[in-house]
């Protein structure tokens, strides 16, 4: 029993191959869902726009950020004066006066970080390219020099036009009504949209009826993340790991049934033998888990990996399912091994 017949190396390799294969498959399937969700959010599909010219209360709009799943909220209004940079004489760039929350909403671009706080304007990427300026630069006008605080992307990918070539100027004066209130909702929640009407100063008339729309509807009104996650091809990775563990654990014992029955004939009790078998089985189980954990940490630590903590949690579920299942297989194999079948085991071997 102590001479290497437990084939620890063989079963360690077998468990490691199964665990690593299942975990990498799970990581790949879930990463695709996370990637699709990230693409959806970065396209602006998670942003709702509420248009009511001259009827939006900016303070109420930004207060919507306190609602569940609302990551950013901000208001904007047209500035007819525009901005006239010295670099483009006789040319006026469209300008919108916005709240701080609106700047964070656009510059975050689907992530959890936005423009750094501070004075200055925010440029769309088209304006930044036209003026040859980037974040940290300065734009000179006839009246002043204005620092560029950030640059935001606004591609023509299906999102509503209007901000592709514009300057956003943060304003502290919220007494004047705004024209629109934007909120970024993620994960998406339908009841949140109903709260946008609370930003109205007045109900207006039929000609200025508020309009609620999605910034980019090209990818659908909602992201079916829950369905994609549940229907992924590796949904049963953990149960498969458990089944494999039971089979391997049972095989580890059944391959040694002649030796085990002989030991019992020599006076080893079934309980003692089962404890020894469990101890031996823990070696390949734990080593394979450690090897798999190292592999998962390496893969999920690569740059650009989305939500590595969640991916590691799913992999841990697969690993932690195999270990008790393998021990269960060992116990089952031990219980089905009989001393009275010693001669039968011997005949089967010969």
Protein backbone atom coordinates (compact mmCIF):
# COMPACT_ATOMS: atom_id res chain seq x y z
CA UNK A 1 0.00 0.00 0.00
CA UNK A 2 2.97 2.28 0.52
CA UNK A 3 5.07 1.15 -2.47
CA UNK A 4 3.70 3.51 -5.13
CA UNK A 5 0.86 1.30 -6.29
CA UNK A 6 -1.56 4.18 -5.60
CA UNK A 7 -0.33 5.68 -8.87
CA UNK A 8 -0.41 9.18 -7.35
CA UNK A 9 1.40 10.80 -10.27
CA UNK A 10 -0.94 9.28 -12.86
CA UNK A 11 -4.07 10.43 -11.06
CA UNK A 12 -2.56 13.83 -10.31
CA UNK A 13 -1.97 14.40 -14.01
CA UNK A 14 -5.44 13.09 -14.86
CA UNK A 15 -7.16 15.38 -12.33
CA UNK A 16 -5.05 18.34 -13.41
CA UNK A 17 -5.87 17.85 -17.09
CA UNK A 18 -9.58 17.59 -16.37
CA UNK A 19 -9.66 20.60 -14.03
CA UNK A 20 -7.53 22.83 -16.23
CA UNK A 21 -9.56 21.89 -19.30
CA UNK A 22 -12.90 22.56 -17.63
CA UNK A 23 -11.72 25.81 -16.01
CA UNK A 24 -10.24 27.19 -19.23
CA UNK A 25 -13.42 26.30 -21.10
CA UNK A 26 -15.46 28.05 -18.41
CA UNK A 27 -13.19 31.10 -18.51
CA UNK A 28 -13.51 31.30 -22.28
CA UNK A 29 -17.30 31.00 -22.31
CA UNK A 30 -17.88 33.51 -19.53
CA UNK A 31 -15.28 35.91 -20.93
CA UNK A 32 -17.22 36.00 -24.19
CA UNK A 33 -20.37 36.99 -22.32
CA UNK A 34 -18.46 39.65 -20.39
CA UNK A 35 -16.91 40.91 -23.62
CA UNK A 36 -20.32 41.21 -25.28
CA UNK A 37 -21.61 43.08 -22.23
CA UNK A 38 -18.63 45.43 -22.31
CA UNK A 39 -19.16 46.10 -26.03
CA UNK A 40 -22.84 46.80 -25.38
CA UNK A 41 -22.08 49.24 -22.59
CA UNK A 42 -19.27 51.04 -24.41
CA UNK A 43 -21.50 51.56 -27.43
CA UNK A 44 -23.71 53.80 -25.29
CA UNK A 45 -26.61 51.33 -25.33
CA UNK A 46 -26.88 51.51 -21.54
CA UNK A 47 -27.44 55.30 -21.67
CA UNK A 48 -30.98 56.69 -21.61
CA UNK A 49 -31.66 60.23 -22.84
CA UNK A 50 -34.65 62.27 -21.68
CA UNK A 51 -35.26 65.29 -23.91
CA UNK A 52 -37.43 68.18 -22.75
CA UNK A 53 -36.02 71.51 -24.05
CA UNK A 54 -36.02 74.16 -21.34
CA UNK A 55 -37.78 71.90 -18.83
CA UNK A 56 -35.03 69.88 -17.10
CA UNK A 57 -33.98 70.61 -13.53
CA UNK A 58 -30.24 69.83 -13.40
CA UNK A 59 -30.19 69.16 -9.65
CA UNK A 60 -33.00 66.63 -9.92
CA UNK A 61 -31.28 65.03 -12.90
CA UNK A 62 -27.99 64.50 -11.10
CA UNK A 63 -29.85 63.25 -8.03
CA UNK A 64 -30.91 60.21 -10.10
CA UNK A 65 -27.42 58.82 -9.56
CA UNK A 66 -28.57 57.70 -6.11
CA UNK A 67 -30.98 55.21 -7.72
CA UNK A 68 -29.97 51.54 -7.89
CA UNK A 69 -27.93 50.63 -10.99
CA UNK A 70 -27.58 54.28 -12.09
CA UNK A 71 -23.83 54.85 -12.44
CA UNK A 72 -23.89 58.34 -13.93
CA UNK A 73 -26.47 61.10 -14.44
CA UNK A 74 -26.12 64.57 -15.89
CA UNK A 75 -27.87 67.35 -17.79
CA UNK A 76 -26.97 69.42 -20.85
CA UNK A 77 -28.31 72.41 -22.76
CA UNK A 78 -27.43 74.18 -25.98
CA UNK A 79 -25.16 77.23 -25.86
CA UNK A 80 -25.96 79.31 -28.97
CA UNK A 81 -22.74 81.33 -28.65
CA UNK A 82 -20.53 78.33 -29.35
CA UNK A 83 -16.76 78.49 -29.00
CA UNK A 84 -14.48 80.35 -31.43
CA UNK A 85 -10.91 79.06 -31.17
CA UNK A 86 -8.10 81.28 -32.40
CA UNK A 87 -6.71 78.33 -34.35
CA UNK A 88 -9.84 78.34 -36.56
CA UNK A 89 -10.62 82.01 -37.29
CA UNK A 90 -14.18 82.65 -38.34
CA UNK A 91 -15.20 79.16 -37.27
CA UNK A 92 -17.55 78.43 -34.36
CA UNK A 93 -17.60 75.03 -32.69
CA UNK A 94 -20.96 73.90 -31.25
CA UNK A 95 -20.96 74.09 -27.48
CA UNK A 96 -23.11 72.49 -24.80
CA UNK A 97 -23.28 73.63 -21.23
CA UNK A 98 -23.30 70.55 -19.02
CA UNK A 99 -23.23 69.46 -15.41
CA UNK A 100 -20.31 67.61 -13.87
CA UNK A 101 -22.30 64.40 -13.90
CA UNK A 102 -22.73 64.63 -17.66
CA UNK A 103 -18.98 64.93 -18.16
CA UNK A 104 -18.41 61.84 -16.02
CA UNK A 105 -21.07 59.96 -17.97
CA UNK A 106 -19.44 60.59 -21.36
CA UNK A 107 -15.78 60.30 -20.40
CA UNK A 108 -16.32 57.09 -18.44
CA UNK A 109 -17.27 55.42 -21.75
CA UNK A 110 -18.58 52.26 -20.13
CA UNK A 111 -15.88 52.02 -17.47
CA UNK A 112 -15.92 53.02 -13.81
CA UNK A 113 -13.60 56.00 -14.20
CA UNK A 114 -14.23 59.35 -15.84
CA UNK A 115 -12.51 62.70 -16.29
CA UNK A 116 -10.34 63.88 -13.45
CA UNK A 117 -11.87 66.80 -11.50
CA UNK A 118 -10.69 70.30 -12.27
CA UNK A 119 -11.36 73.34 -14.43
CA UNK A 120 -11.54 73.28 -18.21
CA UNK A 121 -13.62 72.10 -21.12
CA UNK A 122 -14.12 68.64 -22.57
CA UNK A 123 -13.72 67.99 -26.29
CA UNK A 124 -15.15 65.32 -28.54
CA UNK A 125 -12.45 63.36 -30.32
CA UNK A 126 -13.34 65.02 -33.64
CA UNK A 127 -12.82 68.50 -32.21
CA UNK A 128 -9.60 67.40 -30.51
CA UNK A 129 -8.27 66.12 -33.82
CA UNK A 130 -9.30 69.28 -35.67
CA UNK A 131 -7.55 71.52 -33.14
CA UNK A 132 -4.61 69.23 -32.51
CA UNK A 133 -5.28 69.24 -28.79
CA UNK A 134 -5.52 66.51 -26.19
CA UNK A 135 -6.27 66.29 -22.49
CA UNK A 136 -3.93 68.63 -20.64
CA UNK A 137 -3.61 71.05 -23.55
CA UNK A 138 -4.96 74.57 -23.91
CA UNK A 139 -7.30 76.22 -26.42
CA UNK A 140 -6.87 79.92 -27.08
CA UNK A 141 -9.85 82.11 -27.92
CA UNK A 142 -10.10 85.84 -28.48
CA UNK A 143 -11.12 86.33 -24.87
CA UNK A 144 -9.29 83.67 -22.90
CA UNK A 145 -7.12 80.56 -22.75
CA UNK A 146 -9.10 77.50 -21.76
CA UNK A 147 -7.53 74.24 -20.49
CA UNK A 148 -8.65 70.97 -22.06
CA UNK A 149 -9.74 68.70 -19.26
CA UNK A 150 -10.56 65.54 -21.20
CA UNK A 151 -11.45 64.09 -24.59
CA UNK A 152 -14.38 61.74 -25.09
CA UNK A 153 -15.11 59.39 -28.01
CA UNK A 154 -18.41 59.66 -29.82
CA UNK A 155 -18.16 57.38 -32.89
CA UNK A 156 -20.78 57.03 -35.60
CA UNK A 157 -21.75 53.49 -34.53
CA UNK A 158 -25.51 53.89 -34.29
CA UNK A 159 -25.73 56.33 -31.41
CA UNK A 160 -27.83 59.46 -31.75
CA UNK A 161 -25.95 62.25 -33.55
CA UNK A 162 -25.25 65.61 -31.96
CA UNK A 163 -22.15 65.26 -29.85
CA UNK A 164 -19.69 63.97 -32.42
CA UNK A 165 -18.31 67.49 -33.04
CA UNK A 166 -18.86 69.55 -29.93
CA UNK A 167 -17.37 71.19 -26.86
CA UNK A 168 -18.72 70.49 -23.40
CA UNK A 169 -18.41 73.36 -20.94
CA UNK A 170 -19.19 72.56 -17.29
CA UNK A 171 -21.38 75.17 -15.61
CA UNK A 172 -22.11 75.77 -11.96
CA UNK A 173 -25.25 77.83 -12.64
CA UNK A 174 -28.15 75.42 -12.44
CA UNK A 175 -30.87 78.00 -12.15
CA UNK A 176 -31.41 78.07 -15.90
CA UNK A 177 -33.34 75.03 -17.12
CA UNK A 178 -31.53 72.40 -19.14
CA UNK A 179 -32.67 70.60 -22.28
CA UNK A 180 -31.80 66.97 -21.63
CA UNK A 181 -31.08 64.55 -18.81
CA UNK A 182 -28.91 61.51 -19.48
CA UNK A 183 -28.42 58.52 -17.21
CA UNK A 184 -26.24 55.46 -17.57
CA UNK A 185 -27.97 52.39 -16.16
CA UNK A 186 -25.90 49.23 -15.65
CA UNK A 187 -26.94 46.57 -14.98
CA UNK A 188 -30.09 47.56 -16.79
CA UNK A 189 -33.27 48.03 -14.78
CA UNK A 190 -36.59 48.97 -16.38
CA UNK A 191 -38.15 50.81 -13.39
CA UNK A 192 -35.32 53.37 -13.41
CA UNK A 193 -36.56 55.02 -16.61
CA UNK A 194 -39.80 56.06 -14.90
CA UNK A 195 -37.85 58.33 -12.52
CA UNK A 196 -36.63 60.54 -15.38
CA UNK A 197 -39.95 62.35 -15.47
CA UNK A 198 -39.23 63.66 -11.98
CA UNK A 199 -36.56 65.92 -13.52
CA UNK A 200 -39.20 68.05 -15.26
CA UNK A 201 -39.74 71.58 -14.02
CA UNK A 202 -43.17 71.60 -15.70
CA UNK A 203 -45.16 69.20 -17.85
CA UNK A 204 -44.92 71.48 -20.89
CA UNK A 205 -47.33 71.33 -23.79
CA UNK A 206 -47.98 68.99 -26.68
CA UNK A 207 -45.35 70.67 -28.85
CA UNK A 208 -42.58 70.12 -26.31
CA UNK A 209 -43.57 66.68 -25.11
CA UNK A 210 -40.60 64.96 -23.41
CA UNK A 211 -38.96 62.14 -25.31
CA UNK A 212 -37.27 59.16 -23.71
CA UNK A 213 -34.88 57.20 -25.91
CA UNK A 214 -31.80 55.04 -25.91
CA UNK A 215 -28.53 56.67 -26.97
CA UNK A 216 -27.65 53.69 -29.15
CA UNK A 217 -30.30 51.11 -30.02
CA UNK A 218 -28.23 49.22 -32.60
CA UNK A 219 -27.43 46.38 -30.18
CA UNK A 220 -30.96 46.09 -28.81
CA UNK A 221 -33.00 47.70 -26.06
CA UNK A 222 -31.53 45.44 -23.41
CA UNK A 223 -28.57 43.12 -23.03
CA UNK A 224 -29.58 39.47 -22.44
CA UNK A 225 -26.68 38.85 -20.10
CA UNK A 226 -28.52 36.53 -17.72
CA UNK A 227 -29.77 34.35 -20.58
CA UNK A 228 -26.35 34.19 -22.23
CA UNK A 229 -24.73 33.23 -18.93
CA UNK A 230 -27.26 30.51 -18.14
CA UNK A 231 -27.18 29.10 -21.68
CA UNK A 232 -23.39 29.06 -22.03
CA UNK A 233 -21.94 25.77 -23.23
CA UNK A 234 -19.95 25.29 -20.00
CA UNK A 235 -22.90 25.73 -17.64
CA UNK A 236 -22.42 22.17 -16.39
CA UNK A 237 -18.64 22.41 -15.92
CA UNK A 238 -18.92 21.96 -12.15
CA UNK A 239 -21.25 18.91 -12.33
CA UNK A 240 -18.95 17.38 -14.96
CA UNK A 241 -16.01 17.92 -12.62
CA UNK A 242 -17.99 16.24 -9.85
CA UNK A 243 -18.85 13.25 -12.05
CA UNK A 244 -15.22 12.94 -13.15
CA UNK A 245 -14.12 13.09 -9.51
CA UNK A 246 -16.42 10.23 -8.51
CA UNK A 247 -15.25 8.08 -11.43
CA UNK A 248 -11.57 8.77 -10.79
CA UNK A 249 -11.90 8.17 -7.06
CA UNK A 250 -13.73 4.89 -7.66
CA UNK A 251 -11.13 3.84 -10.24
CA UNK A 252 -8.27 4.63 -7.84
CA UNK A 253 -9.66 2.01 -5.46
CA UNK A 254 -10.94 -0.59 -7.92
CA UNK A 255 -7.56 -0.80 -9.66
CA UNK A 256 -6.16 -1.99 -6.32
CA UNK A 257 -8.99 -4.25 -5.22
CA UNK A 258 -6.79 -7.39 -5.06
CA UNK A 259 -4.23 -5.63 -2.88
CA UNK A 260 -6.93 -4.14 -0.65
CA UNK A 261 -8.79 -7.43 -0.20
CA UNK A 262 -5.49 -9.14 0.64
CA UNK A 263 -4.71 -6.47 3.26
CA UNK A 264 -8.09 -7.03 4.86
CA UNK A 265 -7.42 -10.76 4.91
CA UNK A 266 -4.23 -9.93 6.80
CA UNK A 267 -6.16 -8.06 9.48
CA UNK A 268 -6.51 -4.46 8.24
CA UNK A 269 -9.98 -3.18 9.16
CA UNK A 270 -12.18 -1.61 6.44
CA UNK A 271 -12.39 1.68 8.39
CA UNK A 272 -8.61 1.98 8.73
CA UNK A 273 -8.13 1.07 5.10
CA UNK A 274 -10.71 3.65 3.97
CA UNK A 275 -8.97 6.41 5.97
CA UNK A 276 -5.63 5.48 4.39
CA UNK A 277 -7.19 5.53 0.93
CA UNK A 278 -8.73 8.94 1.57
CA UNK A 279 -5.37 10.31 2.69
CA UNK A 280 -3.72 8.96 -0.44
CA UNK A 281 -6.48 10.40 -2.66
CA UNK A 282 -6.09 13.85 -1.17
CA UNK A 283 -2.58 14.14 -2.57
CA UNK A 284 -3.50 14.11 -6.30
CA UNK A 285 -6.69 16.05 -5.58
CA UNK A 286 -5.00 18.93 -3.75
CA UNK A 287 -1.98 19.06 -6.05
CA UNK A 288 -4.22 19.22 -9.13
CA UNK A 289 -6.25 21.99 -7.51
CA UNK A 290 -3.09 23.98 -6.79
CA UNK A 291 -1.82 23.53 -10.35
CA UNK A 292 -5.21 24.57 -11.75
CA UNK A 293 -5.42 27.56 -9.43
CA UNK A 294 -2.01 28.76 -10.58
CA UNK A 295 -3.07 28.39 -14.21
CA UNK A 296 -6.31 30.30 -13.62
CA UNK A 297 -4.50 33.10 -11.78
CA UNK A 298 -2.07 33.41 -14.67
CA UNK A 299 -4.79 33.51 -17.33
CA UNK A 300 -7.07 35.91 -15.47
CA UNK A 301 -4.13 38.17 -14.66
CA UNK A 302 -3.53 38.96 -18.32
CA UNK A 303 -4.11 42.61 -19.35
CA UNK A 304 -7.62 43.34 -20.57
CA UNK A 305 -9.27 40.55 -18.59
CA UNK A 306 -12.80 41.58 -17.58
CA UNK A 307 -13.95 40.89 -14.01
CA UNK A 308 -11.10 38.52 -13.02
CA UNK A 309 -12.57 38.03 -9.54
CA UNK A 310 -15.79 36.56 -10.98
CA UNK A 311 -13.84 34.32 -13.35
CA UNK A 312 -11.70 33.01 -10.50
CA UNK A 313 -14.81 32.36 -8.44
CA UNK A 314 -16.33 30.22 -11.21
CA UNK A 315 -13.08 28.29 -11.55
CA UNK A 316 -12.95 27.73 -7.79
CA UNK A 317 -16.46 26.27 -7.97
CA UNK A 318 -15.24 23.71 -10.51
CA UNK A 319 -12.18 22.79 -8.44
CA UNK A 320 -14.03 22.56 -5.15
CA UNK A 321 -16.60 20.27 -6.73
CA UNK A 322 -14.04 17.73 -7.87
CA UNK A 323 -12.32 17.24 -4.49
CA UNK A 324 -15.28 16.00 -2.41
CA UNK A 325 -16.57 14.05 -5.41
CA UNK A 326 -13.24 12.25 -5.72
CA UNK A 327 -13.30 11.39 -2.01
CA UNK A 328 -16.86 10.13 -2.43
CA UNK A 329 -15.68 7.90 -5.26
CA UNK A 330 -12.90 6.55 -3.03
CA UNK A 331 -15.37 5.76 -0.24
CA UNK A 332 -17.71 4.07 -2.71
CA UNK A 333 -14.86 2.00 -4.08
CA UNK A 334 -13.76 1.00 -0.59
CA UNK A 335 -17.28 0.00 0.44
CA UNK A 336 -17.74 -2.18 -2.64
CA UNK A 337 -14.44 -4.00 -2.10
CA UNK A 338 -14.98 -7.29 -0.22
CA UNK A 339 -12.47 -9.54 1.48
CA UNK A 340 -14.56 -12.57 0.53
CA UNK A 341 -14.02 -11.72 -3.13
CA UNK A 342 -10.24 -12.09 -2.81
CA UNK A 343 -10.11 -15.26 -4.95
CA UNK A 344 -12.38 -13.70 -7.58
CA UNK A 345 -10.10 -10.64 -7.77
CA UNK A 346 -7.09 -12.90 -8.13
CA UNK A 347 -8.71 -14.92 -10.95
CA UNK A 348 -9.71 -11.68 -12.74
CA UNK A 349 -6.13 -10.42 -12.53
CA UNK A 350 -4.59 -13.63 -13.84
